[in-house]
Amino acid sequence: MRADPGRSLFAAWVMDVETRKKRILYRAHHRGTKESDVIVGGFFDARTPSLMPSDLDDADRVLDLLDADLMDWIIKKATVPNEVRSALLDELVAYGRAKG
């Protein structure tokens, strides 16, 4: 389910908060599918400005998830597994369902 499990830990050590937010927005808009770009990008456009520094690791973890998994959860084809569930992911899924 995660494309690169070690990347978010690296980001936490090297980048300042504003740089990480810009990186999060870039990753949210460059997902690989147009549908994911619109839903994930739109969600993070609205949510990133209010992310606290403590939320940035969670945002990176959400963005590490595969588009296919995210879309399956949004369209209710599958349920979000407990091991990846977080408040931010729940918000993204609810956002995607409202847009869908």
PDB file of N, CA and C in Angstrom:
ATOM      1  N   MET A   1       0.792  -1.201   0.000  1.00  0.00           N
ATOM      2  CA  MET A   1       0.000   0.000   0.000  1.00  0.00           C
ATOM      3  C   MET A   1       0.833   1.265   0.000  1.00  0.00           C
ATOM      4  N   ARG A   2       2.050   1.197   0.509  1.00  0.00           N
ATOM      5  CA  ARG A   2       2.919   2.363   0.472  1.00  0.00           C
ATOM      6  C   ARG A   2       3.943   2.188  -0.621  1.00  0.00           C
ATOM      7  N   ALA A   3       4.138   3.239  -1.376  1.00  0.00           N
ATOM      8  CA  ALA A   3       5.099   3.186  -2.467  1.00  0.00           C
ATOM      9  C   ALA A   3       6.532   3.237  -1.954  1.00  0.00           C
ATOM     10  N   ASP A   4       6.797   4.072  -0.960  1.00  0.00           N
ATOM     11  CA  ASP A   4       8.149   4.233  -0.440  1.00  0.00           C
ATOM     12  C   ASP A   4       8.074   4.507   1.060  1.00  0.00           C
ATOM     13  N   PRO A   5       8.123   3.473   1.897  1.00  0.00           N
ATOM     14  CA  PRO A   5       7.896   3.655   3.330  1.00  0.00           C
ATOM     15  C   PRO A   5       8.940   4.477   4.063  1.00  0.00           C
ATOM     16  N   GLY A   6      10.126   4.673   3.518  1.00  0.00           N
ATOM     17  CA  GLY A   6      11.156   5.418   4.236  1.00  0.00           C
ATOM     18  C   GLY A   6      11.239   6.885   3.891  1.00  0.00           C
ATOM     19  N   ARG A   7      10.552   7.312   2.869  1.00  0.00           N
ATOM     20  CA  ARG A   7      10.697   8.678   2.381  1.00  0.00           C
ATOM     21  C   ARG A   7      10.252   9.722   3.394  1.00  0.00           C
ATOM     22  N   SER A   8       9.143   9.525   4.096  1.00  0.00           N
ATOM     23  CA  SER A   8       8.632  10.555   4.988  1.00  0.00           C
ATOM     24  C   SER A   8       9.567  10.804   6.171  1.00  0.00           C
ATOM     25  N   LEU A   9      10.268   9.789   6.645  1.00  0.00           N
ATOM     26  CA  LEU A   9      11.234   9.994   7.725  1.00  0.00           C
ATOM     27  C   LEU A   9      12.384  10.867   7.255  1.00  0.00           C
ATOM     28  N   PHE A  10      12.854  10.667   6.031  1.00  0.00           N
ATOM     29  CA  PHE A  10      13.904  11.498   5.464  1.00  0.00           C
ATOM     30  C   PHE A  10      13.447  12.945   5.389  1.00  0.00           C
ATOM     31  N   ALA A  11      12.233  13.161   4.912  1.00  0.00           N
ATOM     32  CA  ALA A  11      11.707  14.515   4.760  1.00  0.00           C
ATOM     33  C   ALA A  11      11.665  15.247   6.094  1.00  0.00           C
ATOM     34  N   ALA A  12      11.327  14.549   7.146  1.00  0.00           N
ATOM     35  CA  ALA A  12      11.218  15.170   8.462  1.00  0.00           C
ATOM     36  C   ALA A  12      12.561  15.701   8.951  1.00  0.00           C
ATOM     37  N   TRP A  13      13.637  15.084   8.559  1.00  0.00           N
ATOM     38  CA  TRP A  13      14.959  15.495   9.029  1.00  0.00           C
ATOM     39  C   TRP A  13      15.571  16.611   8.201  1.00  0.00           C
ATOM     40  N   VAL A  14      15.231  16.699   6.929  1.00  0.00           N
ATOM     41  CA  VAL A  14      15.960  17.566   6.033  1.00  0.00           C
ATOM     42  C   VAL A  14      15.251  18.878   5.708  1.00  0.00           C
ATOM     43  N   MET A  15      13.942  18.887   5.621  1.00  0.00           N
ATOM     44  CA  MET A  15      13.218  20.055   5.118  1.00  0.00           C
ATOM     45  C   MET A  15      12.551  20.864   6.224  1.00  0.00           C
ATOM     46  N   ASP A  16      12.486  22.187   6.003  1.00  0.00           N
ATOM     47  CA  ASP A  16      11.736  23.032   6.922  1.00  0.00           C
ATOM     48  C   ASP A  16      10.243  22.903   6.613  1.00  0.00           C
ATOM     49  N   VAL A  17       9.405  23.453   7.465  1.00  0.00           N
ATOM     50  CA  VAL A  17       7.952  23.285   7.374  1.00  0.00           C
ATOM     51  C   VAL A  17       7.400  23.800   6.048  1.00  0.00           C
ATOM     52  N   GLU A  18       7.762  24.988   5.634  1.00  0.00           N
ATOM     53  CA  GLU A  18       7.211  25.549   4.392  1.00  0.00           C
ATOM     54  C   GLU A  18       7.657  24.757   3.171  1.00  0.00           C
ATOM     55  N   THR A  19       8.885  24.304   3.162  1.00  0.00           N
ATOM     56  CA  THR A  19       9.364  23.480   2.049  1.00  0.00           C
ATOM     57  C   THR A  19       8.604  22.165   2.003  1.00  0.00           C
ATOM     58  N   ARG A  20       8.358  21.576   3.153  1.00  0.00           N
ATOM     59  CA  ARG A  20       7.594  20.323   3.193  1.00  0.00           C
ATOM     60  C   ARG A  20       6.166  20.537   2.712  1.00  0.00           C
ATOM     61  N   LYS A  21       5.566  21.669   3.072  1.00  0.00           N
ATOM     62  CA  LYS A  21       4.202  21.949   2.600  1.00  0.00           C
ATOM     63  C   LYS A  21       4.170  22.100   1.083  1.00  0.00           C
ATOM     64  N   LYS A  22       5.163  22.774   0.510  1.00  0.00           N
ATOM     65  CA  LYS A  22       5.230  22.911  -0.943  1.00  0.00           C
ATOM     66  C   LYS A  22       5.407  21.545  -1.598  1.00  0.00           C
ATOM     67  N   ARG A  23       6.226  20.713  -0.998  1.00  0.00           N
ATOM     68  CA  ARG A  23       6.449  19.361  -1.517  1.00  0.00           C
ATOM     69  C   ARG A  23       5.157  18.543  -1.451  1.00  0.00           C
ATOM     70  N   ILE A  24       4.428  18.671  -0.359  1.00  0.00           N
ATOM     71  CA  ILE A  24       3.152  17.965  -0.197  1.00  0.00           C
ATOM     72  C   ILE A  24       2.180  18.403  -1.297  1.00  0.00           C
ATOM     73  N   LEU A  25       2.075  19.689  -1.546  1.00  0.00           N
ATOM     74  CA  LEU A  25       1.177  20.183  -2.600  1.00  0.00           C
ATOM     75  C   LEU A  25       1.596  19.669  -3.975  1.00  0.00           C
ATOM     76  N   TYR A  26       2.889  19.660  -4.239  1.00  0.00           N
ATOM     77  CA  TYR A  26       3.364  19.148  -5.524  1.00  0.00           C
ATOM     78  C   TYR A  26       2.985  17.673  -5.673  1.00  0.00           C
ATOM     79  N   ARG A  27       3.272  16.888  -4.657  1.00  0.00           N
ATOM     80  CA  ARG A  27       2.963  15.454  -4.715  1.00  0.00           C
ATOM     81  C   ARG A  27       1.462  15.210  -4.833  1.00  0.00           C
ATOM     82  N   ALA A  28       0.658  16.045  -4.207  1.00  0.00           N
ATOM     83  CA  ALA A  28      -0.791  15.881  -4.252  1.00  0.00           C
ATOM     84  C   ALA A  28      -1.342  16.136  -5.649  1.00  0.00           C
ATOM     85  N   HIS A  29      -0.692  16.993  -6.412  1.00  0.00           N
ATOM     86  CA  HIS A  29      -1.168  17.343  -7.747  1.00  0.00           C
ATOM     87  C   HIS A  29      -0.504  16.536  -8.860  1.00  0.00           C
ATOM     88  N   HIS A  30       0.461  15.706  -8.525  1.00  0.00           N
ATOM     89  CA  HIS A  30       1.173  14.904  -9.523  1.00  0.00           C
ATOM     90  C   HIS A  30       1.130  13.437  -9.110  1.00  0.00           C
ATOM     91  N   ARG A  31      -0.076  12.883  -9.120  1.00  0.00           N
ATOM     92  CA  ARG A  31      -0.306  11.538  -8.613  1.00  0.00           C
ATOM     93  C   ARG A  31      -0.096  10.447  -9.652  1.00  0.00           C
ATOM     94  N   GLY A  32      -0.515  10.689 -10.867  1.00  0.00           N
ATOM     95  CA  GLY A  32      -0.416   9.657 -11.890  1.00  0.00           C
ATOM     96  C   GLY A  32      -1.708   9.455 -12.648  1.00  0.00           C
ATOM     97  N   THR A  33      -2.829   9.770 -12.007  1.00  0.00           N
ATOM     98  CA  THR A  33      -4.108   9.731 -12.715  1.00  0.00           C
ATOM     99  C   THR A  33      -4.791  11.085 -12.528  1.00  0.00           C
ATOM    100  N   LYS A  34      -5.543  11.480 -13.529  1.00  0.00           N
ATOM    101  CA  LYS A  34      -6.222  12.770 -13.471  1.00  0.00           C
ATOM    102  C   LYS A  34      -7.211  12.829 -12.308  1.00  0.00           C
ATOM    103  N   GLU A  35      -7.933  11.711 -12.086  1.00  0.00           N
ATOM    104  CA  GLU A  35      -8.911  11.674 -10.999  1.00  0.00           C
ATOM    105  C   GLU A  35      -8.237  11.894  -9.649  1.00  0.00           C
ATOM    106  N   SER A  36      -7.116  11.228  -9.455  1.00  0.00           N
ATOM    107  CA  SER A  36      -6.390  11.391  -8.192  1.00  0.00           C
ATOM    108  C   SER A  36      -5.816  12.790  -8.060  1.00  0.00           C
ATOM    109  N   ASP A  37      -5.309  13.328  -9.165  1.00  0.00           N
ATOM    110  CA  ASP A  37      -4.785  14.696  -9.122  1.00  0.00           C
ATOM    111  C   ASP A  37      -5.863  15.674  -8.662  1.00  0.00           C
ATOM    112  N   VAL A  38      -7.079  15.503  -9.179  1.00  0.00           N
ATOM    113  CA  VAL A  38      -8.176  16.418  -8.844  1.00  0.00           C
ATOM    114  C   VAL A  38      -8.608  16.234  -7.393  1.00  0.00           C
ATOM    115  N   ILE A  39      -8.834  15.007  -6.983  1.00  0.00           N
ATOM    116  CA  ILE A  39      -9.339  14.762  -5.624  1.00  0.00           C
ATOM    117  C   ILE A  39      -8.265  15.003  -4.581  1.00  0.00           C
ATOM    118  N   VAL A  40      -7.130  14.361  -4.713  1.00  0.00           N
ATOM    119  CA  VAL A  40      -6.066  14.501  -3.710  1.00  0.00           C
ATOM    120  C   VAL A  40      -5.509  15.923  -3.740  1.00  0.00           C
ATOM    121  N   GLY A  41      -5.286  16.453  -4.941  1.00  0.00           N
ATOM    122  CA  GLY A  41      -4.787  17.822  -5.054  1.00  0.00           C
ATOM    123  C   GLY A  41      -5.744  18.840  -4.471  1.00  0.00           C
ATOM    124  N   GLY A  42      -7.029  18.678  -4.768  1.00  0.00           N
ATOM    125  CA  GLY A  42      -8.027  19.598  -4.219  1.00  0.00           C
ATOM    126  C   GLY A  42      -8.103  19.546  -2.702  1.00  0.00           C
ATOM    127  N   PHE A  43      -8.035  18.328  -2.171  1.00  0.00           N
ATOM    128  CA  PHE A  43      -8.063  18.178  -0.721  1.00  0.00           C
ATOM    129  C   PHE A  43      -6.866  18.877  -0.083  1.00  0.00           C
ATOM    130  N   PHE A  44      -5.677  18.604  -0.607  1.00  0.00           N
ATOM    131  CA  PHE A  44      -4.486  19.197   0.004  1.00  0.00           C
ATOM    132  C   PHE A  44      -4.364  20.690  -0.269  1.00  0.00           C
ATOM    133  N   ASP A  45      -4.960  21.189  -1.355  1.00  0.00           N
ATOM    134  CA  ASP A  45      -5.020  22.651  -1.545  1.00  0.00           C
ATOM    135  C   ASP A  45      -5.758  23.292  -0.382  1.00  0.00           C
ATOM    136  N   ALA A  46      -6.862  22.673   0.007  1.00  0.00           N
ATOM    137  CA  ALA A  46      -7.675  23.219   1.095  1.00  0.00           C
ATOM    138  C   ALA A  46      -7.049  22.974   2.462  1.00  0.00           C
ATOM    139  N   ARG A  47      -6.389  21.851   2.638  1.00  0.00           N
ATOM    140  CA  ARG A  47      -5.961  21.411   3.970  1.00  0.00           C
ATOM    141  C   ARG A  47      -4.527  21.798   4.329  1.00  0.00           C
ATOM    142  N   THR A  48      -3.624  21.879   3.355  1.00  0.00           N
ATOM    143  CA  THR A  48      -2.202  22.097   3.650  1.00  0.00           C
ATOM    144  C   THR A  48      -1.925  23.384   4.420  1.00  0.00           C
ATOM    145  N   PRO A  49      -2.546  24.519   4.101  1.00  0.00           N
ATOM    146  CA  PRO A  49      -2.231  25.731   4.866  1.00  0.00           C
ATOM    147  C   PRO A  49      -2.455  25.587   6.371  1.00  0.00           C
ATOM    148  N   SER A  50      -3.416  24.748   6.766  1.00  0.00           N
ATOM    149  CA  SER A  50      -3.705  24.595   8.194  1.00  0.00           C
ATOM    150  C   SER A  50      -2.979  23.420   8.843  1.00  0.00           C
ATOM    151  N   LEU A  51      -2.155  22.713   8.075  1.00  0.00           N
ATOM    152  CA  LEU A  51      -1.416  21.594   8.667  1.00  0.00           C
ATOM    153  C   LEU A  51      -0.389  22.111   9.668  1.00  0.00           C
ATOM    154  N   MET A  52      -0.379  21.498  10.822  1.00  0.00           N
ATOM    155  CA  MET A  52       0.617  21.817  11.828  1.00  0.00           C
ATOM    156  C   MET A  52       1.882  21.019  11.502  1.00  0.00           C
ATOM    157  N   PRO A  53       3.041  21.458  11.975  1.00  0.00           N
ATOM    158  CA  PRO A  53       4.258  20.690  11.710  1.00  0.00           C
ATOM    159  C   PRO A  53       4.137  19.209  12.110  1.00  0.00           C
ATOM    160  N   SER A  54       3.382  18.948  13.161  1.00  0.00           N
ATOM    161  CA  SER A  54       3.207  17.564  13.610  1.00  0.00           C
ATOM    162  C   SER A  54       2.355  16.735  12.644  1.00  0.00           C
ATOM    163  N   ASP A  55       1.595  17.393  11.753  1.00  0.00           N
ATOM    164  CA  ASP A  55       0.744  16.707  10.776  1.00  0.00           C
ATOM    165  C   ASP A  55       1.471  16.361   9.480  1.00  0.00           C
ATOM    166  N   LEU A  56       2.650  16.913   9.273  1.00  0.00           N
ATOM    167  CA  LEU A  56       3.325  16.754   7.991  1.00  0.00           C
ATOM    168  C   LEU A  56       3.756  15.314   7.724  1.00  0.00           C
ATOM    169  N   ASP A  57       4.178  14.598   8.750  1.00  0.00           N
ATOM    170  CA  ASP A  57       4.532  13.185   8.554  1.00  0.00           C
ATOM    171  C   ASP A  57       3.308  12.385   8.120  1.00  0.00           C
ATOM    172  N   ASP A  58       2.161  12.668   8.717  1.00  0.00           N
ATOM    173  CA  ASP A  58       0.931  11.975   8.340  1.00  0.00           C
ATOM    174  C   ASP A  58       0.559  12.300   6.897  1.00  0.00           C
ATOM    175  N   ALA A  59       0.722  13.553   6.492  1.00  0.00           N
ATOM    176  CA  ALA A  59       0.436  13.934   5.103  1.00  0.00           C
ATOM    177  C   ALA A  59       1.345  13.168   4.146  1.00  0.00           C
ATOM    178  N   ASP A  60       2.618  13.053   4.488  1.00  0.00           N
ATOM    179  CA  ASP A  60       3.540  12.275   3.655  1.00  0.00           C
ATOM    180  C   ASP A  60       3.122  10.812   3.585  1.00  0.00           C
ATOM    181  N   ARG A  61       2.686  10.259   4.703  1.00  0.00           N
ATOM    182  CA  ARG A  61       2.234   8.851   4.705  1.00  0.00           C
ATOM    183  C   ARG A  61       1.003   8.667   3.820  1.00  0.00           C
ATOM    184  N   VAL A  62       0.081   9.611   3.877  1.00  0.00           N
ATOM    185  CA  VAL A  62      -1.114   9.538   3.022  1.00  0.00           C
ATOM    186  C   VAL A  62      -0.700   9.613   1.557  1.00  0.00           C
ATOM    187  N   LEU A  63       0.217  10.503   1.234  1.00  0.00           N
ATOM    188  CA  LEU A  63       0.649  10.660  -0.147  1.00  0.00           C
ATOM    189  C   LEU A  63       1.496   9.488  -0.636  1.00  0.00           C
ATOM    190  N   ASP A  64       2.033   8.702   0.272  1.00  0.00           N
ATOM    191  CA  ASP A  64       2.771   7.499  -0.110  1.00  0.00           C
ATOM    192  C   ASP A  64       1.844   6.359  -0.527  1.00  0.00           C
ATOM    193  N   LEU A  65       0.559   6.478  -0.202  1.00  0.00           N
ATOM    194  CA  LEU A  65      -0.394   5.427  -0.551  1.00  0.00           C
ATOM    195  C   LEU A  65      -0.654   5.422  -2.054  1.00  0.00           C
ATOM    196  N   LEU A  66      -0.969   4.263  -2.559  1.00  0.00           N
ATOM    197  CA  LEU A  66      -1.214   4.114  -3.990  1.00  0.00           C
ATOM    198  C   LEU A  66      -2.552   4.732  -4.392  1.00  0.00           C
ATOM    199  N   ASP A  67      -2.587   5.316  -5.584  1.00  0.00           N
ATOM    200  CA  ASP A  67      -3.819   5.911  -6.112  1.00  0.00           C
ATOM    201  C   ASP A  67      -4.950   4.894  -6.163  1.00  0.00           C
ATOM    202  N   ALA A  68      -4.634   3.676  -6.585  1.00  0.00           N
ATOM    203  CA  ALA A  68      -5.674   2.644  -6.703  1.00  0.00           C
ATOM    204  C   ALA A  68      -6.327   2.379  -5.348  1.00  0.00           C
ATOM    205  N   ASP A  69      -5.532   2.320  -4.291  1.00  0.00           N
ATOM    206  CA  ASP A  69      -6.086   2.102  -2.954  1.00  0.00           C
ATOM    207  C   ASP A  69      -6.939   3.290  -2.525  1.00  0.00           C
ATOM    208  N   LEU A  70      -6.422   4.494  -2.717  1.00  0.00           N
ATOM    209  CA  LEU A  70      -7.174   5.692  -2.334  1.00  0.00           C
ATOM    210  C   LEU A  70      -8.519   5.749  -3.048  1.00  0.00           C
ATOM    211  N   MET A  71      -8.517   5.502  -4.338  1.00  0.00           N
ATOM    212  CA  MET A  71      -9.763   5.574  -5.100  1.00  0.00           C
ATOM    213  C   MET A  71     -10.729   4.461  -4.686  1.00  0.00           C
ATOM    214  N   ASP A  72     -10.214   3.261  -4.394  1.00  0.00           N
ATOM    215  CA  ASP A  72     -11.080   2.180  -3.910  1.00  0.00           C
ATOM    216  C   ASP A  72     -11.760   2.568  -2.610  1.00  0.00           C
ATOM    217  N   TRP A  73     -11.050   3.237  -1.728  1.00  0.00           N
ATOM    218  CA  TRP A  73     -11.626   3.657  -0.449  1.00  0.00           C
ATOM    219  C   TRP A  73     -12.636   4.776  -0.658  1.00  0.00           C
ATOM    220  N   ILE A  74     -12.334   5.681  -1.563  1.00  0.00           N
ATOM    221  CA  ILE A  74     -13.230   6.804  -1.813  1.00  0.00           C
ATOM    222  C   ILE A  74     -14.548   6.338  -2.438  1.00  0.00           C
ATOM    223  N   ILE A  75     -14.477   5.414  -3.380  1.00  0.00           N
ATOM    224  CA  ILE A  75     -15.709   4.950  -4.034  1.00  0.00           C
ATOM    225  C   ILE A  75     -16.350   3.777  -3.296  1.00  0.00           C
ATOM    226  N   LYS A  76     -15.836   3.477  -2.133  1.00  0.00           N
ATOM    227  CA  LYS A  76     -16.377   2.424  -1.260  1.00  0.00           C
ATOM    228  C   LYS A  76     -16.270   1.028  -1.861  1.00  0.00           C
ATOM    229  N   LYS A  77     -15.290   0.829  -2.722  1.00  0.00           N
ATOM    230  CA  LYS A  77     -15.026  -0.499  -3.265  1.00  0.00           C
ATOM    231  C   LYS A  77     -14.328  -1.359  -2.215  1.00  0.00           C
ATOM    232  N   ALA A  78     -13.625  -0.703  -1.303  1.00  0.00           N
ATOM    233  CA  ALA A  78     -12.929  -1.381  -0.213  1.00  0.00           C
ATOM    234  C   ALA A  78     -12.950  -0.466   1.012  1.00  0.00           C
ATOM    235  N   THR A  79     -12.718  -1.056   2.173  1.00  0.00           N
ATOM    236  CA  THR A  79     -12.641  -0.254   3.398  1.00  0.00           C
ATOM    237  C   THR A  79     -11.179   0.069   3.706  1.00  0.00           C
ATOM    238  N   VAL A  80     -10.972   1.176   4.362  1.00  0.00           N
ATOM    239  CA  VAL A  80      -9.618   1.593   4.731  1.00  0.00           C
ATOM    240  C   VAL A  80      -9.098   0.658   5.823  1.00  0.00           C
ATOM    241  N   PRO A  81      -7.959   0.008   5.597  1.00  0.00           N
ATOM    242  CA  PRO A  81      -7.407  -0.877   6.629  1.00  0.00           C
ATOM    243  C   PRO A  81      -6.994  -0.078   7.870  1.00  0.00           C
ATOM    244  N   ASN A  82      -7.171  -0.665   9.026  1.00  0.00           N
ATOM    245  CA  ASN A  82      -6.832   0.013  10.275  1.00  0.00           C
ATOM    246  C   ASN A  82      -5.361   0.405  10.361  1.00  0.00           C
ATOM    247  N   GLU A  83      -4.476  -0.378   9.739  1.00  0.00           N
ATOM    248  CA  GLU A  83      -3.043  -0.077   9.858  1.00  0.00           C
ATOM    249  C   GLU A  83      -2.622   1.182   9.102  1.00  0.00           C
ATOM    250  N   VAL A  84      -3.432   1.677   8.184  1.00  0.00           N
ATOM    251  CA  VAL A  84      -3.101   2.923   7.487  1.00  0.00           C
ATOM    252  C   VAL A  84      -4.048   4.057   7.843  1.00  0.00           C
ATOM    253  N   ARG A  85      -5.076   3.761   8.580  1.00  0.00           N
ATOM    254  CA  ARG A  85      -6.102   4.754   8.920  1.00  0.00           C
ATOM    255  C   ARG A  85      -5.511   5.871   9.790  1.00  0.00           C
ATOM    256  N   SER A  86      -5.922   7.093   9.484  1.00  0.00           N
ATOM    257  CA  SER A  86      -5.538   8.268  10.276  1.00  0.00           C
ATOM    258  C   SER A  86      -6.636   9.309  10.098  1.00  0.00           C
ATOM    259  N   ALA A  87      -6.617  10.313  10.940  1.00  0.00           N
ATOM    260  CA  ALA A  87      -7.622  11.375  10.837  1.00  0.00           C
ATOM    261  C   ALA A  87      -7.518  12.081   9.488  1.00  0.00           C
ATOM    262  N   LEU A  88      -6.303  12.338   9.031  1.00  0.00           N
ATOM    263  CA  LEU A  88      -6.108  13.023   7.755  1.00  0.00           C
ATOM    264  C   LEU A  88      -6.599  12.168   6.590  1.00  0.00           C
ATOM    265  N   LEU A  89      -6.315  10.880   6.619  1.00  0.00           N
ATOM    266  CA  LEU A  89      -6.795   9.984   5.567  1.00  0.00           C
ATOM    267  C   LEU A  89      -8.317   9.914   5.578  1.00  0.00           C
ATOM    268  N   ASP A  90      -8.904   9.851   6.764  1.00  0.00           N
ATOM    269  CA  ASP A  90     -10.371   9.848   6.850  1.00  0.00           C
ATOM    270  C   ASP A  90     -10.960  11.125   6.245  1.00  0.00           C
ATOM    271  N   GLU A  91     -10.320  12.261   6.478  1.00  0.00           N
ATOM    272  CA  GLU A  91     -10.774  13.531   5.904  1.00  0.00           C
ATOM    273  C   GLU A  91     -10.683  13.497   4.381  1.00  0.00           C
ATOM    274  N   LEU A  92      -9.582  12.947   3.864  1.00  0.00           N
ATOM    275  CA  LEU A  92      -9.403  12.850   2.418  1.00  0.00           C
ATOM    276  C   LEU A  92     -10.476  11.959   1.792  1.00  0.00           C
ATOM    277  N   VAL A  93     -10.739  10.821   2.404  1.00  0.00           N
ATOM    278  CA  VAL A  93     -11.765   9.912   1.887  1.00  0.00           C
ATOM    279  C   VAL A  93     -13.136  10.597   1.906  1.00  0.00           C
ATOM    280  N   ALA A  94     -13.460  11.288   2.996  1.00  0.00           N
ATOM    281  CA  ALA A  94     -14.748  11.997   3.083  1.00  0.00           C
ATOM    282  C   ALA A  94     -14.815  13.105   2.022  1.00  0.00           C
ATOM    283  N   TYR A  95     -13.729  13.809   1.824  1.00  0.00           N
ATOM    284  CA  TYR A  95     -13.664  14.863   0.794  1.00  0.00           C
ATOM    285  C   TYR A  95     -13.921  14.271  -0.586  1.00  0.00           C
ATOM    286  N   GLY A  96     -13.252  13.168  -0.884  1.00  0.00           N
ATOM    287  CA  GLY A  96     -13.414  12.523  -2.180  1.00  0.00           C
ATOM    288  C   GLY A  96     -14.832  12.024  -2.400  1.00  0.00           C
ATOM    289  N   ARG A  97     -15.444  11.488  -1.372  1.00  0.00           N
ATOM    290  CA  ARG A  97     -16.833  11.004  -1.481  1.00  0.00           C
ATOM    291  C   ARG A  97     -17.794  12.171  -1.706  1.00  0.00           C
ATOM    292  N   ALA A  98     -17.531  13.300  -1.070  1.00  0.00           N
ATOM    293  CA  ALA A  98     -18.392  14.470  -1.246  1.00  0.00           C
ATOM    294  C   ALA A  98     -18.272  15.041  -2.658  1.00  0.00           C
ATOM    295  N   LYS A  99     -17.078  14.936  -3.228  1.00  0.00           N
ATOM    296  CA  LYS A  99     -16.845  15.442  -4.584  1.00  0.00           C
ATOM    297  C   LYS A  99     -17.355  14.502  -5.654  1.00  0.00           C
ATOM    298  N   GLY A 100     -17.441  13.190  -5.300  1.00  0.00           N
ATOM    299  CA  GLY A 100     -17.771  12.166  -6.275  1.00  0.00           C
ATOM    300  C   GLY A 100     -19.163  12.136  -6.666  1.00  0.00           C
TER     301      GLY A 100
END
